Protein backbone atom coordinates (compact mmCIF):
# COMPACT_ATOMS: atom_id res chain seq x y z
CA MET A 1 124.16 116.66 122.23
CA SER A 2 127.36 117.54 120.38
CA GLN A 3 129.68 117.43 123.36
CA SER A 4 128.23 114.15 124.58
CA THR A 5 128.40 112.63 121.13
CA ASP A 6 132.08 113.69 120.86
CA THR A 7 132.76 111.94 124.09
CA LEU A 8 131.04 108.83 122.76
CA LYS A 9 133.22 108.94 119.60
CA GLN A 10 136.31 109.11 121.70
CA ARG A 11 135.25 106.20 123.77
CA LEU A 12 134.50 104.00 120.73
CA GLY A 13 137.69 104.83 118.93
CA ARG A 14 138.23 103.83 115.30
CA HIS A 15 137.45 100.09 115.46
CA GLY A 16 135.25 97.70 117.34
CA VAL A 17 134.15 94.11 116.98
CA TRP A 18 130.71 92.93 115.95
CA ASP A 19 129.78 89.40 116.96
CA VAL A 20 126.61 87.41 117.48
CA ALA A 21 128.28 84.49 119.49
CA LEU A 22 129.24 86.97 122.22
CA ARG A 23 125.58 87.58 123.04
CA ALA A 24 124.87 83.79 123.51
CA GLU A 25 123.03 82.79 126.69
CA ASP A 26 124.34 79.31 127.29
CA PRO A 27 125.68 79.38 130.89
CA ALA A 28 128.38 76.85 129.96
CA GLY A 29 130.00 79.33 127.62
CA ARG A 30 129.75 82.38 129.80
CA GLY A 31 133.34 82.14 131.06
CA GLU A 32 134.81 81.98 127.56
CA ARG A 33 132.65 84.88 126.42
CA GLU A 34 133.83 86.93 129.34
CA ASP A 35 137.42 85.98 128.72
CA ALA A 36 137.11 86.89 125.04
CA ALA A 37 135.68 90.33 125.91
CA ALA A 38 138.57 90.98 128.20
CA GLU A 39 140.99 90.07 125.47
CA LEU A 40 139.27 92.34 122.97
CA GLU A 41 139.74 95.12 125.44
CA GLU A 42 143.39 94.30 125.70
CA LEU A 43 143.73 94.25 121.92
CA ASP A 44 142.55 97.93 122.00
CA PHE A 45 139.23 97.52 120.26
CA GLY A 46 136.99 100.32 121.45
CA ALA A 47 133.60 98.53 121.36
CA ILE A 48 131.90 95.19 121.28
CA TRP A 49 128.71 95.17 119.31
CA LEU A 50 126.38 92.33 120.06
CA GLY A 51 124.28 91.00 117.15
CA GLY A 52 121.12 88.85 117.22
CA ASN A 53 118.38 91.05 118.78
CA SER A 54 120.57 91.55 121.87
CA THR A 55 119.61 93.36 125.07
CA THR A 56 121.23 94.74 128.28
CA ALA A 57 121.01 91.22 129.66
CA ASN A 58 123.51 90.13 127.02
CA ALA A 59 125.74 93.10 127.51
CA ALA A 60 125.99 93.16 131.26
CA PRO A 61 128.18 90.03 131.76
CA LEU A 62 130.68 91.42 129.27
CA ILE A 63 130.72 94.86 130.90
CA GLU A 64 131.27 93.27 134.29
CA ALA A 65 134.19 91.22 132.92
CA THR A 66 135.95 94.29 131.47
CA HIS A 67 137.23 97.76 132.63
CA HIS A 68 136.50 100.26 129.99
CA ILE A 69 135.40 98.83 126.63
CA THR A 70 131.96 100.04 125.46
CA VAL A 71 129.38 97.31 124.79
CA GLY A 72 126.41 98.01 122.57
CA THR A 73 123.40 96.18 121.14
CA SER A 74 123.47 95.82 117.38
CA ILE A 75 120.63 95.67 117.44
CA GLN A 76 117.75 95.41 119.91
CA SER A 77 114.54 95.20 117.92
CA VAL A 78 111.88 97.71 118.88
CA TRP A 79 109.36 94.88 118.34
CA GLN A 80 111.15 92.65 120.97
CA ARG A 81 111.00 94.71 124.12
CA ASP A 82 108.73 97.53 124.96
CA ALA A 83 110.32 100.87 125.63
CA ALA A 84 109.41 101.02 129.37
CA THR A 85 111.26 97.77 129.93
CA THR A 86 114.21 98.88 127.90
CA ALA A 87 114.49 102.15 129.82
CA ALA A 88 114.41 100.31 133.08
CA ASP A 89 117.06 97.90 131.96
CA PHE A 90 119.18 100.78 130.74
CA SER A 91 118.83 102.68 134.04
CA ARG A 92 119.95 99.57 136.08
CA LEU A 93 123.05 98.98 133.91
CA GLU A 94 123.87 102.70 133.85
CA SER A 95 123.66 102.79 137.63
CA SER A 96 126.11 99.93 138.06
CA HIS A 97 128.49 100.72 135.14
CA PRO A 98 128.03 104.40 134.13
CA GLY A 99 128.82 105.12 130.52
CA ARG A 100 129.76 101.60 129.51
CA PHE A 101 126.66 100.70 127.45
CA ILE A 102 125.10 102.06 124.36
CA LEU A 103 121.64 101.20 123.17
CA GLY A 104 121.49 100.19 119.58
CA LEU A 105 117.98 100.02 118.20
CA GLY A 106 116.43 98.91 114.94
CA VAL A 107 113.13 98.00 113.31
CA SER A 108 114.20 94.52 112.25
CA HIS A 109 112.61 93.00 109.10
CA GLY A 110 109.05 92.37 107.96
CA PRO A 111 109.64 88.70 107.30
CA ARG A 112 110.84 88.10 110.78
CA VAL A 113 108.22 90.13 112.81
CA GLU A 114 104.60 89.22 113.30
CA GLY A 115 102.52 92.33 112.91
CA TYR A 116 105.24 94.39 111.28
CA HIS A 117 103.87 97.67 110.16
CA ARG A 118 104.88 101.35 109.79
CA PRO A 119 108.46 100.81 110.95
CA TYR A 120 109.51 104.44 110.88
CA SER A 121 106.46 105.52 112.94
CA ALA A 122 107.16 102.62 115.35
CA MET A 123 110.77 103.84 115.88
CA VAL A 124 109.50 107.47 116.50
CA ASP A 125 107.01 106.23 119.08
CA TYR A 126 109.68 104.07 120.72
CA LEU A 127 112.12 107.02 121.01
CA ASP A 128 109.33 109.24 122.40
CA GLU A 129 108.79 106.65 125.27
CA LEU A 130 112.56 106.50 125.88
CA ASP A 131 112.64 110.36 126.17
CA LYS A 132 109.84 110.24 128.65
CA ALA A 133 111.67 107.57 130.66
CA GLY A 134 114.90 109.51 130.66
CA VAL A 135 117.15 107.50 128.33
CA PRO A 136 119.56 110.13 127.01
CA ASP A 137 119.58 110.52 123.22
CA HIS A 138 123.39 110.51 123.15
CA ARG A 139 123.43 106.95 124.59
CA ARG A 140 121.40 105.38 121.87
CA VAL A 141 122.03 104.79 118.10
CA LEU A 142 119.84 103.54 115.34
CA ALA A 143 120.45 100.79 112.75
CA ALA A 144 119.62 103.18 109.85
CA LEU A 145 119.95 102.47 106.21
CA GLY A 146 117.53 104.68 104.29
CA PRO A 147 117.39 108.45 104.29
CA ARG A 148 114.38 108.88 106.62
CA MET A 149 115.84 106.62 109.34
CA LEU A 150 119.29 108.29 108.94
CA ASP A 151 117.65 111.69 109.51
CA LEU A 152 115.93 110.31 112.59
CA ALA A 153 119.25 108.91 113.88
CA GLY A 154 120.82 112.38 113.62
CA ASP A 155 117.87 114.18 115.23
CA ARG A 156 116.88 111.77 117.99
CA ALA A 157 119.95 109.67 118.72
CA ALA A 158 123.78 109.91 118.85
CA GLY A 159 123.90 108.68 115.29
CA ALA A 160 123.73 105.57 113.15
CA ILE A 161 125.08 102.00 113.05
CA PRO A 162 124.28 100.86 109.53
CA TYR A 163 124.63 97.07 108.93
CA LEU A 164 125.73 95.39 105.71
CA VAL A 165 126.85 98.47 103.80
CA THR A 166 129.66 99.85 101.63
CA PRO A 167 131.83 102.95 101.80
CA GLU A 168 129.56 104.43 99.17
CA HIS A 169 126.69 104.08 101.59
CA THR A 170 128.83 105.61 104.35
CA ALA A 171 129.56 108.66 102.23
CA LYS A 172 125.80 109.14 101.54
CA ALA A 173 124.91 108.58 105.24
CA ARG A 174 127.56 111.19 106.22
CA GLU A 175 126.05 113.67 103.90
CA ILE A 176 122.61 113.05 105.42
CA LEU A 177 123.71 113.11 109.07
CA GLY A 178 126.05 115.97 108.78
CA GLN A 179 129.42 116.04 110.67
CA GLY A 180 128.27 115.92 114.23
CA PRO A 181 126.39 112.56 114.73
CA LEU A 182 128.19 109.31 115.12
CA LEU A 183 128.47 107.12 112.06
CA ALA A 184 129.64 103.59 112.94
CA PRO A 185 128.97 101.11 110.04
CA GLU A 186 129.44 97.34 110.43
CA PHE A 187 131.80 95.68 107.95
CA LYS A 188 132.46 91.96 107.35
CA VAL A 189 135.99 90.49 107.02
CA VAL A 190 137.01 87.10 105.77
CA LEU A 191 140.67 86.53 106.73
CA GLU A 192 141.26 84.37 103.63
CA GLN A 193 143.49 85.14 100.59
CA ASN A 194 142.21 82.52 98.13
CA PRO A 195 139.43 84.26 96.13
CA THR A 196 137.36 81.17 95.57
CA ARG A 197 137.42 80.15 99.25
CA ALA A 198 136.98 83.62 100.55
CA ARG A 199 133.99 84.35 98.32
CA GLY A 200 132.52 80.89 99.16
CA ILE A 201 132.61 81.64 102.92
CA ALA A 202 131.17 85.10 102.27
CA ARG A 203 128.42 83.96 99.99
CA ALA A 204 127.24 81.21 102.40
CA TYR A 205 126.93 83.79 105.18
CA LEU A 206 125.35 86.48 102.95
CA ALA A 207 122.51 84.13 101.80
CA ARG A 208 120.35 84.84 104.91
CA TYR A 209 120.45 88.56 104.30
CA LEU A 210 119.46 88.43 100.64
CA GLU A 211 116.03 87.26 101.78
CA LEU A 212 115.45 90.55 103.56
CA PRO A 213 114.08 93.39 101.60
CA ASN A 214 115.55 96.13 103.85
CA TYR A 215 119.03 95.04 102.65
CA THR A 216 118.18 94.18 99.06
CA ASP A 217 116.37 97.46 98.61
CA ASN A 218 119.44 99.26 100.00
CA PHE A 219 121.70 97.40 97.59
CA LEU A 220 119.54 98.63 94.67
CA ARG A 221 119.67 102.26 96.04
CA LEU A 222 123.47 101.92 95.94
CA GLY A 223 123.50 100.99 92.26
CA PHE A 224 123.54 97.24 92.33
CA ALA A 225 121.36 95.32 89.90
CA GLU A 226 118.88 92.67 90.55
CA SER A 227 121.39 90.25 88.92
CA ASP A 228 123.96 91.17 91.64
CA ILE A 229 121.41 90.01 94.34
CA ALA A 230 120.36 86.79 92.54
CA ASP A 231 121.94 83.31 93.02
CA GLY A 232 123.59 84.07 96.29
CA GLY A 233 125.15 87.35 95.16
CA SER A 234 127.50 88.34 92.39
CA ASP A 235 131.28 88.60 92.87
CA ARG A 236 130.79 92.35 92.66
CA LEU A 237 128.42 92.36 95.55
CA ILE A 238 130.45 89.99 97.68
CA ASP A 239 133.60 92.05 97.11
CA ALA A 240 131.73 95.31 98.10
CA VAL A 241 130.34 94.09 101.29
CA PHE A 242 133.16 91.88 102.56
CA ALA A 243 136.82 92.48 102.92
CA TRP A 244 139.11 89.50 102.06
CA GLY A 245 142.70 88.99 100.86
CA ASP A 246 146.03 89.93 102.35
CA ASP A 247 146.54 92.32 105.23
CA ASP A 248 147.20 95.36 103.05
CA ARG A 249 143.99 94.72 101.11
CA ILE A 250 141.86 94.31 104.18
CA ARG A 251 143.42 97.36 105.87
CA ASN A 252 142.68 99.47 102.86
CA ARG A 253 139.07 98.28 102.70
CA VAL A 254 138.51 99.29 106.29
CA ARG A 255 140.34 102.56 105.73
CA ALA A 256 137.94 103.31 102.89
CA PHE A 257 135.05 103.55 105.42
CA HIS A 258 136.90 106.16 107.46
CA GLU A 259 137.79 108.06 104.32
CA ALA A 260 134.06 108.09 103.39
CA GLY A 261 133.08 109.60 106.74
CA ALA A 262 132.84 106.79 109.29
CA ASP A 263 133.87 107.60 112.82
CA HIS A 264 134.11 103.99 113.88
CA VAL A 265 133.89 100.71 111.96
CA ALA A 266 132.39 97.59 113.64
CA LEU A 267 134.28 94.72 112.23
CA GLN A 268 132.63 91.27 112.00
CA VAL A 269 134.98 88.40 111.25
CA VAL A 270 133.15 85.85 109.13
CA THR A 271 134.28 82.26 109.12
CA GLU A 272 132.66 78.98 108.18
CA ASP A 273 131.58 78.69 111.84
CA THR A 274 130.32 82.23 112.33
CA GLY A 275 127.65 82.46 115.06
CA HIS A 276 128.82 79.38 116.95
CA ALA A 277 132.50 79.68 117.74
CA LEU A 278 134.26 82.83 118.88
CA PRO A 279 136.94 83.72 116.15
CA ARG A 280 139.52 84.69 118.76
CA GLU A 281 142.57 83.91 116.66
CA GLN A 282 141.19 85.99 113.81
CA TRP A 283 140.49 88.89 116.19
CA ARG A 284 144.08 88.88 117.18
CA ARG A 285 145.27 88.98 113.58
CA LEU A 286 142.72 91.69 112.81
CA ALA A 287 144.02 93.78 115.77
CA LEU A 288 147.58 93.44 114.47
CA LEU A 289 146.76 94.50 110.90
CA LEU A 290 144.82 97.52 112.02
CA ARG A 291 147.71 98.98 114.06
């Protein structure tokens, strides 16, 4: 798996874009989404990561509209589609566009899934079925936060794509994974210099995640207190999981993930309209400051 994973790391490069609006299914917006994907490729981002329980059906139009950028799901829930269907979808997309898609999988969250139980075992069973169906382990990654799932990501996939984390989590994840597997954390960016406004945008977006124990438990493991999670999140928490400020500050925050052991950082631009409008102007600015 090492050589194949090294190839994947090279394809992804150091930076990608994470976005939920790019996985939208409204036919009226397809042209804009495809045009945006082509521009992200021109801006030299190595990957597009699709949020919102995305699937190959969301990835395929963007792959067809571009030439070489990798498109991945971040994530497809194992509760949403059975492994046999996922394997068949993967095979069709791989046949038409070899090497362009990476399957990001996760176990979602108890409050959002009816019948949620034994998430680790559910992921193991899902990977077993993918193995039987011929989906290569080096073409799938896991949205792993805790030690057990990180171990699994290193053993049964190309690596991990942790969401809503800090450089400190990245350092711990790298220690668990070792040097070989891919480590590609997501990181949120607010391109705003005013502290009050930046934290306000960040706090409004973070609120939905503070209702999910997978994330709050992870914050506690990282040394945050219950008081950091209460009331929309403390400034300390906001400043840890979002980059904001001038170009140098944002650049240094992204660099901290690489210094902690990340191979690739999936950058999510957060605005007051995140999830609805494509932040194309912000992506252009982000591309410039990362050069």
